[in-house]
Amino acid sequence: MTAEPQATIRAFIVENFLFGDESHPLPADLSLIDNDLIDSTGILELVGFLEERFAIKVADADIVPANLDTIGRIAGFIALKQTA
């Protein structure tokens, strides 16, 4: 997997949830939920972004931490959806 999806996701999170503050490190394995970077409303914003930016469809059953809790998991989820 290329770094492009992770960089795009990271930029979206910084812009929308950290209000452009790039001083916080966002490693690919950092839990966005456990570290209070994203809440339930934020997850819905993230899903809308993923569907639009990566041309995927996220089903309600896909909206789980296993798919959306870290930048790495999100990138992996996108890769699976794009190959399906």
PDB file of N, CA and C in Angstrom:
ATOM      1  N   MET A   1       0.843  -1.171   0.000  1.00  0.00           N
ATOM      2  CA  MET A   1       0.000   0.000   0.000  1.00  0.00           C
ATOM      3  C   MET A   1       0.891   1.237   0.000  1.00  0.00           C
ATOM      4  N   THR A   2       0.514   2.220  -0.801  1.00  0.00           N
ATOM      5  CA  THR A   2       1.297   3.444  -0.834  1.00  0.00           C
ATOM      6  C   THR A   2       0.966   4.307   0.379  1.00  0.00           C
ATOM      7  N   ALA A   3       1.787   5.290   0.606  1.00  0.00           N
ATOM      8  CA  ALA A   3       1.576   6.198   1.731  1.00  0.00           C
ATOM      9  C   ALA A   3       0.522   7.259   1.414  1.00  0.00           C
ATOM     10  N   GLU A   4       0.102   7.357   0.163  1.00  0.00           N
ATOM     11  CA  GLU A   4      -0.833   8.409  -0.246  1.00  0.00           C
ATOM     12  C   GLU A   4      -2.142   8.381   0.536  1.00  0.00           C
ATOM     13  N   PRO A   5      -2.824   7.230   0.671  1.00  0.00           N
ATOM     14  CA  PRO A   5      -4.070   7.254   1.452  1.00  0.00           C
ATOM     15  C   PRO A   5      -3.837   7.697   2.896  1.00  0.00           C
ATOM     16  N   GLN A   6      -2.762   7.238   3.524  1.00  0.00           N
ATOM     17  CA  GLN A   6      -2.505   7.627   4.903  1.00  0.00           C
ATOM     18  C   GLN A   6      -2.259   9.125   5.009  1.00  0.00           C
ATOM     19  N   ALA A   7      -1.508   9.686   4.074  1.00  0.00           N
ATOM     20  CA  ALA A   7      -1.229  11.123   4.089  1.00  0.00           C
ATOM     21  C   ALA A   7      -2.519  11.927   3.888  1.00  0.00           C
ATOM     22  N   THR A   8      -3.375  11.459   3.002  1.00  0.00           N
ATOM     23  CA  THR A   8      -4.644  12.137   2.743  1.00  0.00           C
ATOM     24  C   THR A   8      -5.547  12.083   3.963  1.00  0.00           C
ATOM     25  N   ILE A   9      -5.626  10.927   4.595  1.00  0.00           N
ATOM     26  CA  ILE A   9      -6.443  10.759   5.807  1.00  0.00           C
ATOM     27  C   ILE A   9      -5.885  11.627   6.931  1.00  0.00           C
ATOM     28  N   ARG A  10      -4.577  11.587   7.107  1.00  0.00           N
ATOM     29  CA  ARG A  10      -3.927  12.387   8.160  1.00  0.00           C
ATOM     30  C   ARG A  10      -4.230  13.878   7.950  1.00  0.00           C
ATOM     31  N   ALA A  11      -4.118  14.363   6.713  1.00  0.00           N
ATOM     32  CA  ALA A  11      -4.386  15.770   6.412  1.00  0.00           C
ATOM     33  C   ALA A  11      -5.839  16.128   6.730  1.00  0.00           C
ATOM     34  N   PHE A  12      -6.778  15.235   6.411  1.00  0.00           N
ATOM     35  CA  PHE A  12      -8.189  15.473   6.717  1.00  0.00           C
ATOM     36  C   PHE A  12      -8.402  15.574   8.222  1.00  0.00           C
ATOM     37  N   ILE A  13      -7.797  14.673   8.976  1.00  0.00           N
ATOM     38  CA  ILE A  13      -7.951  14.680  10.437  1.00  0.00           C
ATOM     39  C   ILE A  13      -7.353  15.953  11.036  1.00  0.00           C
ATOM     40  N   VAL A  14      -6.171  16.327  10.586  1.00  0.00           N
ATOM     41  CA  VAL A  14      -5.533  17.547  11.099  1.00  0.00           C
ATOM     42  C   VAL A  14      -6.411  18.760  10.805  1.00  0.00           C
ATOM     43  N   GLU A  15      -6.897  18.856   9.591  1.00  0.00           N
ATOM     44  CA  GLU A  15      -7.692  20.014   9.191  1.00  0.00           C
ATOM     45  C   GLU A  15      -9.040  20.074   9.904  1.00  0.00           C
ATOM     46  N   ASN A  16      -9.722  18.943  10.024  1.00  0.00           N
ATOM     47  CA  ASN A  16     -11.096  18.942  10.521  1.00  0.00           C
ATOM     48  C   ASN A  16     -11.247  18.691  12.009  1.00  0.00           C
ATOM     49  N   PHE A  17     -10.310  17.996  12.614  1.00  0.00           N
ATOM     50  CA  PHE A  17     -10.458  17.647  14.035  1.00  0.00           C
ATOM     51  C   PHE A  17      -9.395  18.285  14.924  1.00  0.00           C
ATOM     52  N   LEU A  18      -8.287  18.689  14.340  1.00  0.00           N
ATOM     53  CA  LEU A  18      -7.237  19.373  15.103  1.00  0.00           C
ATOM     54  C   LEU A  18      -7.135  20.839  14.681  1.00  0.00           C
ATOM     55  N   PHE A  19      -8.055  21.266  13.826  1.00  0.00           N
ATOM     56  CA  PHE A  19      -8.151  22.652  13.383  1.00  0.00           C
ATOM     57  C   PHE A  19      -6.839  23.187  12.815  1.00  0.00           C
ATOM     58  N   GLY A  20      -6.171  22.327  12.047  1.00  0.00           N
ATOM     59  CA  GLY A  20      -4.950  22.720  11.372  1.00  0.00           C
ATOM     60  C   GLY A  20      -3.695  22.655  12.224  1.00  0.00           C
ATOM     61  N   ASP A  21      -3.822  22.257  13.491  1.00  0.00           N
ATOM     62  CA  ASP A  21      -2.669  22.177  14.398  1.00  0.00           C
ATOM     63  C   ASP A  21      -1.864  20.917  14.106  1.00  0.00           C
ATOM     64  N   GLU A  22      -0.747  21.083  13.408  1.00  0.00           N
ATOM     65  CA  GLU A  22       0.085  19.941  13.027  1.00  0.00           C
ATOM     66  C   GLU A  22       1.150  19.602  14.064  1.00  0.00           C
ATOM     67  N   SER A  23       1.070  20.206  15.252  1.00  0.00           N
ATOM     68  CA  SER A  23       2.078  19.954  16.283  1.00  0.00           C
ATOM     69  C   SER A  23       1.877  18.607  16.981  1.00  0.00           C
ATOM     70  N   HIS A  24       0.702  18.005  16.822  1.00  0.00           N
ATOM     71  CA  HIS A  24       0.429  16.705  17.441  1.00  0.00           C
ATOM     72  C   HIS A  24       0.860  15.583  16.499  1.00  0.00           C
ATOM     73  N   PRO A  25       1.684  14.666  16.985  1.00  0.00           N
ATOM     74  CA  PRO A  25       2.049  13.540  16.113  1.00  0.00           C
ATOM     75  C   PRO A  25       0.832  12.635  15.897  1.00  0.00           C
ATOM     76  N   LEU A  26       0.703  12.150  14.695  1.00  0.00           N
ATOM     77  CA  LEU A  26      -0.393  11.240  14.371  1.00  0.00           C
ATOM     78  C   LEU A  26       0.171   9.976  13.730  1.00  0.00           C
ATOM     79  N   PRO A  27       0.791   9.107  14.542  1.00  0.00           N
ATOM     80  CA  PRO A  27       1.291   7.863  13.968  1.00  0.00           C
ATOM     81  C   PRO A  27       0.134   7.017  13.438  1.00  0.00           C
ATOM     82  N   ALA A  28       0.426   6.173  12.481  1.00  0.00           N
ATOM     83  CA  ALA A  28      -0.603   5.370  11.814  1.00  0.00           C
ATOM     84  C   ALA A  28      -1.348   4.448  12.772  1.00  0.00           C
ATOM     85  N   ASP A  29      -0.739   4.123  13.935  1.00  0.00           N
ATOM     86  CA  ASP A  29      -1.383   3.198  14.867  1.00  0.00           C
ATOM     87  C   ASP A  29      -1.996   3.885  16.085  1.00  0.00           C
ATOM     88  N   LEU A  30      -2.101   5.211  16.081  1.00  0.00           N
ATOM     89  CA  LEU A  30      -2.697   5.948  17.193  1.00  0.00           C
ATOM     90  C   LEU A  30      -4.218   5.818  17.136  1.00  0.00           C
ATOM     91  N   SER A  31      -4.832   5.404  18.243  1.00  0.00           N
ATOM     92  CA  SER A  31      -6.289   5.283  18.294  1.00  0.00           C
ATOM     93  C   SER A  31      -6.920   6.674  18.286  1.00  0.00           C
ATOM     94  N   LEU A  32      -7.680   6.948  17.263  1.00  0.00           N
ATOM     95  CA  LEU A  32      -8.346   8.241  17.149  1.00  0.00           C
ATOM     96  C   LEU A  32      -9.478   8.369  18.159  1.00  0.00           C
ATOM     97  N   ILE A  33     -10.111   7.254  18.489  1.00  0.00           N
ATOM     98  CA  ILE A  33     -11.235   7.249  19.424  1.00  0.00           C
ATOM     99  C   ILE A  33     -10.731   7.323  20.863  1.00  0.00           C
ATOM    100  N   ASP A  34      -9.806   6.445  21.228  1.00  0.00           N
ATOM    101  CA  ASP A  34      -9.301   6.411  22.601  1.00  0.00           C
ATOM    102  C   ASP A  34      -8.580   7.691  22.996  1.00  0.00           C
ATOM    103  N   ASN A  35      -8.011   8.395  22.027  1.00  0.00           N
ATOM    104  CA  ASN A  35      -7.295   9.636  22.302  1.00  0.00           C
ATOM    105  C   ASN A  35      -8.168  10.876  22.089  1.00  0.00           C
ATOM    106  N   ASP A  36      -9.476  10.648  21.989  1.00  0.00           N
ATOM    107  CA  ASP A  36     -10.458  11.729  21.870  1.00  0.00           C
ATOM    108  C   ASP A  36     -10.188  12.690  20.717  1.00  0.00           C
ATOM    109  N   LEU A  37      -9.649  12.167  19.636  1.00  0.00           N
ATOM    110  CA  LEU A  37      -9.438  12.993  18.448  1.00  0.00           C
ATOM    111  C   LEU A  37     -10.680  13.029  17.569  1.00  0.00           C
ATOM    112  N   ILE A  38     -11.527  12.022  17.723  1.00  0.00           N
ATOM    113  CA  ILE A  38     -12.710  11.905  16.876  1.00  0.00           C
ATOM    114  C   ILE A  38     -13.834  11.288  17.714  1.00  0.00           C
ATOM    115  N   ASP A  39     -15.046  11.801  17.537  1.00  0.00           N
ATOM    116  CA  ASP A  39     -16.196  11.266  18.255  1.00  0.00           C
ATOM    117  C   ASP A  39     -17.189  10.686  17.238  1.00  0.00           C
ATOM    118  N   SER A  40     -18.383  10.342  17.700  1.00  0.00           N
ATOM    119  CA  SER A  40     -19.338   9.691  16.799  1.00  0.00           C
ATOM    120  C   SER A  40     -19.732  10.590  15.632  1.00  0.00           C
ATOM    121  N   THR A  41     -19.894  11.861  15.876  1.00  0.00           N
ATOM    122  CA  THR A  41     -20.199  12.781  14.785  1.00  0.00           C
ATOM    123  C   THR A  41     -19.013  12.882  13.834  1.00  0.00           C
ATOM    124  N   GLY A  42     -17.810  12.893  14.389  1.00  0.00           N
ATOM    125  CA  GLY A  42     -16.606  12.934  13.578  1.00  0.00           C
ATOM    126  C   GLY A  42     -16.457  11.708  12.705  1.00  0.00           C
ATOM    127  N   ILE A  43     -16.860  10.558  13.232  1.00  0.00           N
ATOM    128  CA  ILE A  43     -16.814   9.325  12.438  1.00  0.00           C
ATOM    129  C   ILE A  43     -17.696   9.476  11.205  1.00  0.00           C
ATOM    130  N   LEU A  44     -18.870  10.065  11.376  1.00  0.00           N
ATOM    131  CA  LEU A  44     -19.766  10.262  10.233  1.00  0.00           C
ATOM    132  C   LEU A  44     -19.153  11.223   9.216  1.00  0.00           C
ATOM    133  N   GLU A  45     -18.485  12.277   9.697  1.00  0.00           N
ATOM    134  CA  GLU A  45     -17.782  13.188   8.790  1.00  0.00           C
ATOM    135  C   GLU A  45     -16.673  12.447   8.047  1.00  0.00           C
ATOM    136  N   LEU A  46     -15.934  11.622   8.773  1.00  0.00           N
ATOM    137  CA  LEU A  46     -14.854  10.846   8.181  1.00  0.00           C
ATOM    138  C   LEU A  46     -15.390   9.897   7.114  1.00  0.00           C
ATOM    139  N   VAL A  47     -16.481   9.226   7.397  1.00  0.00           N
ATOM    140  CA  VAL A  47     -17.086   8.297   6.432  1.00  0.00           C
ATOM    141  C   VAL A  47     -17.487   9.042   5.163  1.00  0.00           C
ATOM    142  N   GLY A  48     -18.106  10.197   5.320  1.00  0.00           N
ATOM    143  CA  GLY A  48     -18.487  10.993   4.144  1.00  0.00           C
ATOM    144  C   GLY A  48     -17.275  11.379   3.313  1.00  0.00           C
ATOM    145  N   PHE A  49     -16.204  11.770   3.992  1.00  0.00           N
ATOM    146  CA  PHE A  49     -14.964  12.113   3.295  1.00  0.00           C
ATOM    147  C   PHE A  49     -14.397  10.909   2.551  1.00  0.00           C
ATOM    148  N   LEU A  50     -14.343   9.756   3.210  1.00  0.00           N
ATOM    149  CA  LEU A  50     -13.786   8.551   2.596  1.00  0.00           C
ATOM    150  C   LEU A  50     -14.586   8.152   1.362  1.00  0.00           C
ATOM    151  N   GLU A  51     -15.914   8.211   1.481  1.00  0.00           N
ATOM    152  CA  GLU A  51     -16.749   7.835   0.341  1.00  0.00           C
ATOM    153  C   GLU A  51     -16.511   8.769  -0.848  1.00  0.00           C
ATOM    154  N   GLU A  52     -16.409  10.051  -0.579  1.00  0.00           N
ATOM    155  CA  GLU A  52     -16.213  11.015  -1.661  1.00  0.00           C
ATOM    156  C   GLU A  52     -14.802  10.962  -2.231  1.00  0.00           C
ATOM    157  N   ARG A  53     -13.808  10.979  -1.379  1.00  0.00           N
ATOM    158  CA  ARG A  53     -12.407  11.077  -1.817  1.00  0.00           C
ATOM    159  C   ARG A  53     -11.903   9.796  -2.470  1.00  0.00           C
ATOM    160  N   PHE A  54     -12.309   8.641  -1.909  1.00  0.00           N
ATOM    161  CA  PHE A  54     -11.767   7.370  -2.394  1.00  0.00           C
ATOM    162  C   PHE A  54     -12.779   6.559  -3.203  1.00  0.00           C
ATOM    163  N   ALA A  55     -13.932   7.136  -3.483  1.00  0.00           N
ATOM    164  CA  ALA A  55     -14.964   6.494  -4.310  1.00  0.00           C
ATOM    165  C   ALA A  55     -15.311   5.100  -3.810  1.00  0.00           C
ATOM    166  N   ILE A  56     -15.590   5.016  -2.502  1.00  0.00           N
ATOM    167  CA  ILE A  56     -16.004   3.748  -1.914  1.00  0.00           C
ATOM    168  C   ILE A  56     -17.362   3.940  -1.260  1.00  0.00           C
ATOM    169  N   LYS A  57     -18.029   2.842  -0.958  1.00  0.00           N
ATOM    170  CA  LYS A  57     -19.287   2.878  -0.218  1.00  0.00           C
ATOM    171  C   LYS A  57     -19.038   2.226   1.131  1.00  0.00           C
ATOM    172  N   VAL A  58     -19.321   2.949   2.205  1.00  0.00           N
ATOM    173  CA  VAL A  58     -19.143   2.437   3.555  1.00  0.00           C
ATOM    174  C   VAL A  58     -20.512   2.055   4.096  1.00  0.00           C
ATOM    175  N   ALA A  59     -20.742   0.762   4.287  1.00  0.00           N
ATOM    176  CA  ALA A  59     -22.009   0.279   4.829  1.00  0.00           C
ATOM    177  C   ALA A  59     -22.051   0.537   6.331  1.00  0.00           C
ATOM    178  N   ASP A  60     -23.255   0.587   6.875  1.00  0.00           N
ATOM    179  CA  ASP A  60     -23.393   0.787   8.322  1.00  0.00           C
ATOM    180  C   ASP A  60     -22.598  -0.249   9.109  1.00  0.00           C
ATOM    181  N   ALA A  61     -22.592  -1.493   8.634  1.00  0.00           N
ATOM    182  CA  ALA A  61     -21.870  -2.569   9.324  1.00  0.00           C
ATOM    183  C   ALA A  61     -20.354  -2.368   9.291  1.00  0.00           C
ATOM    184  N   ASP A  62     -19.866  -1.517   8.385  1.00  0.00           N
ATOM    185  CA  ASP A  62     -18.430  -1.242   8.276  1.00  0.00           C
ATOM    186  C   ASP A  62     -17.955  -0.189   9.267  1.00  0.00           C
ATOM    187  N   ILE A  63     -18.901   0.523   9.884  1.00  0.00           N
ATOM    188  CA  ILE A  63     -18.544   1.628  10.774  1.00  0.00           C
ATOM    189  C   ILE A  63     -18.256   1.068  12.169  1.00  0.00           C
ATOM    190  N   VAL A  64     -17.081   0.473  12.289  1.00  0.00           N
ATOM    191  CA  VAL A  64     -16.626  -0.137  13.538  1.00  0.00           C
ATOM    192  C   VAL A  64     -15.166   0.248  13.770  1.00  0.00           C
ATOM    193  N   PRO A  65     -14.715   0.243  15.027  1.00  0.00           N
ATOM    194  CA  PRO A  65     -13.320   0.588  15.301  1.00  0.00           C
ATOM    195  C   PRO A  65     -12.301  -0.258  14.532  1.00  0.00           C
ATOM    196  N   ALA A  66     -12.623  -1.494  14.257  1.00  0.00           N
ATOM    197  CA  ALA A  66     -11.683  -2.348  13.523  1.00  0.00           C
ATOM    198  C   ALA A  66     -11.353  -1.757  12.153  1.00  0.00           C
ATOM    199  N   ASN A  67     -12.240  -0.944  11.611  1.00  0.00           N
ATOM    200  CA  ASN A  67     -12.008  -0.322  10.302  1.00  0.00           C
ATOM    201  C   ASN A  67     -11.601   1.149  10.392  1.00  0.00           C
ATOM    202  N   LEU A  68     -12.019   1.840  11.448  1.00  0.00           N
ATOM    203  CA  LEU A  68     -11.917   3.296  11.444  1.00  0.00           C
ATOM    204  C   LEU A  68     -11.221   3.906  12.652  1.00  0.00           C
ATOM    205  N   ASP A  69     -10.528   3.118  13.461  1.00  0.00           N
ATOM    206  CA  ASP A  69      -9.960   3.654  14.703  1.00  0.00           C
ATOM    207  C   ASP A  69      -8.571   4.260  14.549  1.00  0.00           C
ATOM    208  N   THR A  70      -7.812   3.861  13.550  1.00  0.00           N
ATOM    209  CA  THR A  70      -6.476   4.421  13.345  1.00  0.00           C
ATOM    210  C   THR A  70      -6.307   4.772  11.872  1.00  0.00           C
ATOM    211  N   ILE A  71      -5.348   5.611  11.597  1.00  0.00           N
ATOM    212  CA  ILE A  71      -5.074   5.977  10.209  1.00  0.00           C
ATOM    213  C   ILE A  71      -4.672   4.734   9.416  1.00  0.00           C
ATOM    214  N   GLY A  72      -3.883   3.853  10.023  1.00  0.00           N
ATOM    215  CA  GLY A  72      -3.473   2.619   9.360  1.00  0.00           C
ATOM    216  C   GLY A  72      -4.650   1.715   9.039  1.00  0.00           C
ATOM    217  N   ARG A  73      -5.569   1.575  10.006  1.00  0.00           N
ATOM    218  CA  ARG A  73      -6.757   0.737   9.761  1.00  0.00           C
ATOM    219  C   ARG A  73      -7.648   1.335   8.682  1.00  0.00           C
ATOM    220  N   ILE A  74      -7.785   2.646   8.702  1.00  0.00           N
ATOM    221  CA  ILE A  74      -8.608   3.308   7.687  1.00  0.00           C
ATOM    222  C   ILE A  74      -8.010   3.081   6.299  1.00  0.00           C
ATOM    223  N   ALA A  75      -6.698   3.237   6.177  1.00  0.00           N
ATOM    224  CA  ALA A  75      -6.038   3.029   4.888  1.00  0.00           C
ATOM    225  C   ALA A  75      -6.200   1.585   4.418  1.00  0.00           C
ATOM    226  N   GLY A  76      -6.077   0.633   5.334  1.00  0.00           N
ATOM    227  CA  GLY A  76      -6.275  -0.770   4.986  1.00  0.00           C
ATOM    228  C   GLY A  76      -7.707  -1.049   4.558  1.00  0.00           C
ATOM    229  N   PHE A  77      -8.652  -0.436   5.253  1.00  0.00           N
ATOM    230  CA  PHE A  77     -10.067  -0.594   4.926  1.00  0.00           C
ATOM    231  C   PHE A  77     -10.349  -0.039   3.524  1.00  0.00           C
ATOM    232  N   ILE A  78      -9.773   1.105   3.212  1.00  0.00           N
ATOM    233  CA  ILE A  78      -9.950   1.698   1.877  1.00  0.00           C
ATOM    234  C   ILE A  78      -9.386   0.746   0.811  1.00  0.00           C
ATOM    235  N   ALA A  79      -8.219   0.208   1.063  1.00  0.00           N
ATOM    236  CA  ALA A  79      -7.603  -0.706   0.094  1.00  0.00           C
ATOM    237  C   ALA A  79      -8.495  -1.920  -0.149  1.00  0.00           C
ATOM    238  N   LEU A  80      -9.080  -2.462   0.916  1.00  0.00           N
ATOM    239  CA  LEU A  80      -9.978  -3.612   0.760  1.00  0.00           C
ATOM    240  C   LEU A  80     -11.220  -3.237  -0.028  1.00  0.00           C
ATOM    241  N   LYS A  81     -11.788  -2.091   0.264  1.00  0.00           N
ATOM    242  CA  LYS A  81     -13.001  -1.652  -0.430  1.00  0.00           C
ATOM    243  C   LYS A  81     -12.721  -1.390  -1.909  1.00  0.00           C
ATOM    244  N   GLN A  82     -11.560  -0.845  -2.215  1.00  0.00           N
ATOM    245  CA  GLN A  82     -11.258  -0.520  -3.608  1.00  0.00           C
ATOM    246  C   GLN A  82     -10.959  -1.766  -4.433  1.00  0.00           C
ATOM    247  N   THR A  83     -10.538  -2.848  -3.796  1.00  0.00           N
ATOM    248  CA  THR A  83     -10.255  -4.082  -4.542  1.00  0.00           C
ATOM    249  C   THR A  83     -11.462  -5.003  -4.595  1.00  0.00           C
ATOM    250  N   ALA A  84     -12.498  -4.688  -3.803  1.00  0.00           N
ATOM    251  CA  ALA A  84     -13.693  -5.537  -3.769  1.00  0.00           C
ATOM    252  C   ALA A  84     -14.573  -5.324  -4.983  1.00  0.00           C
TER     253      ALA A  84
END
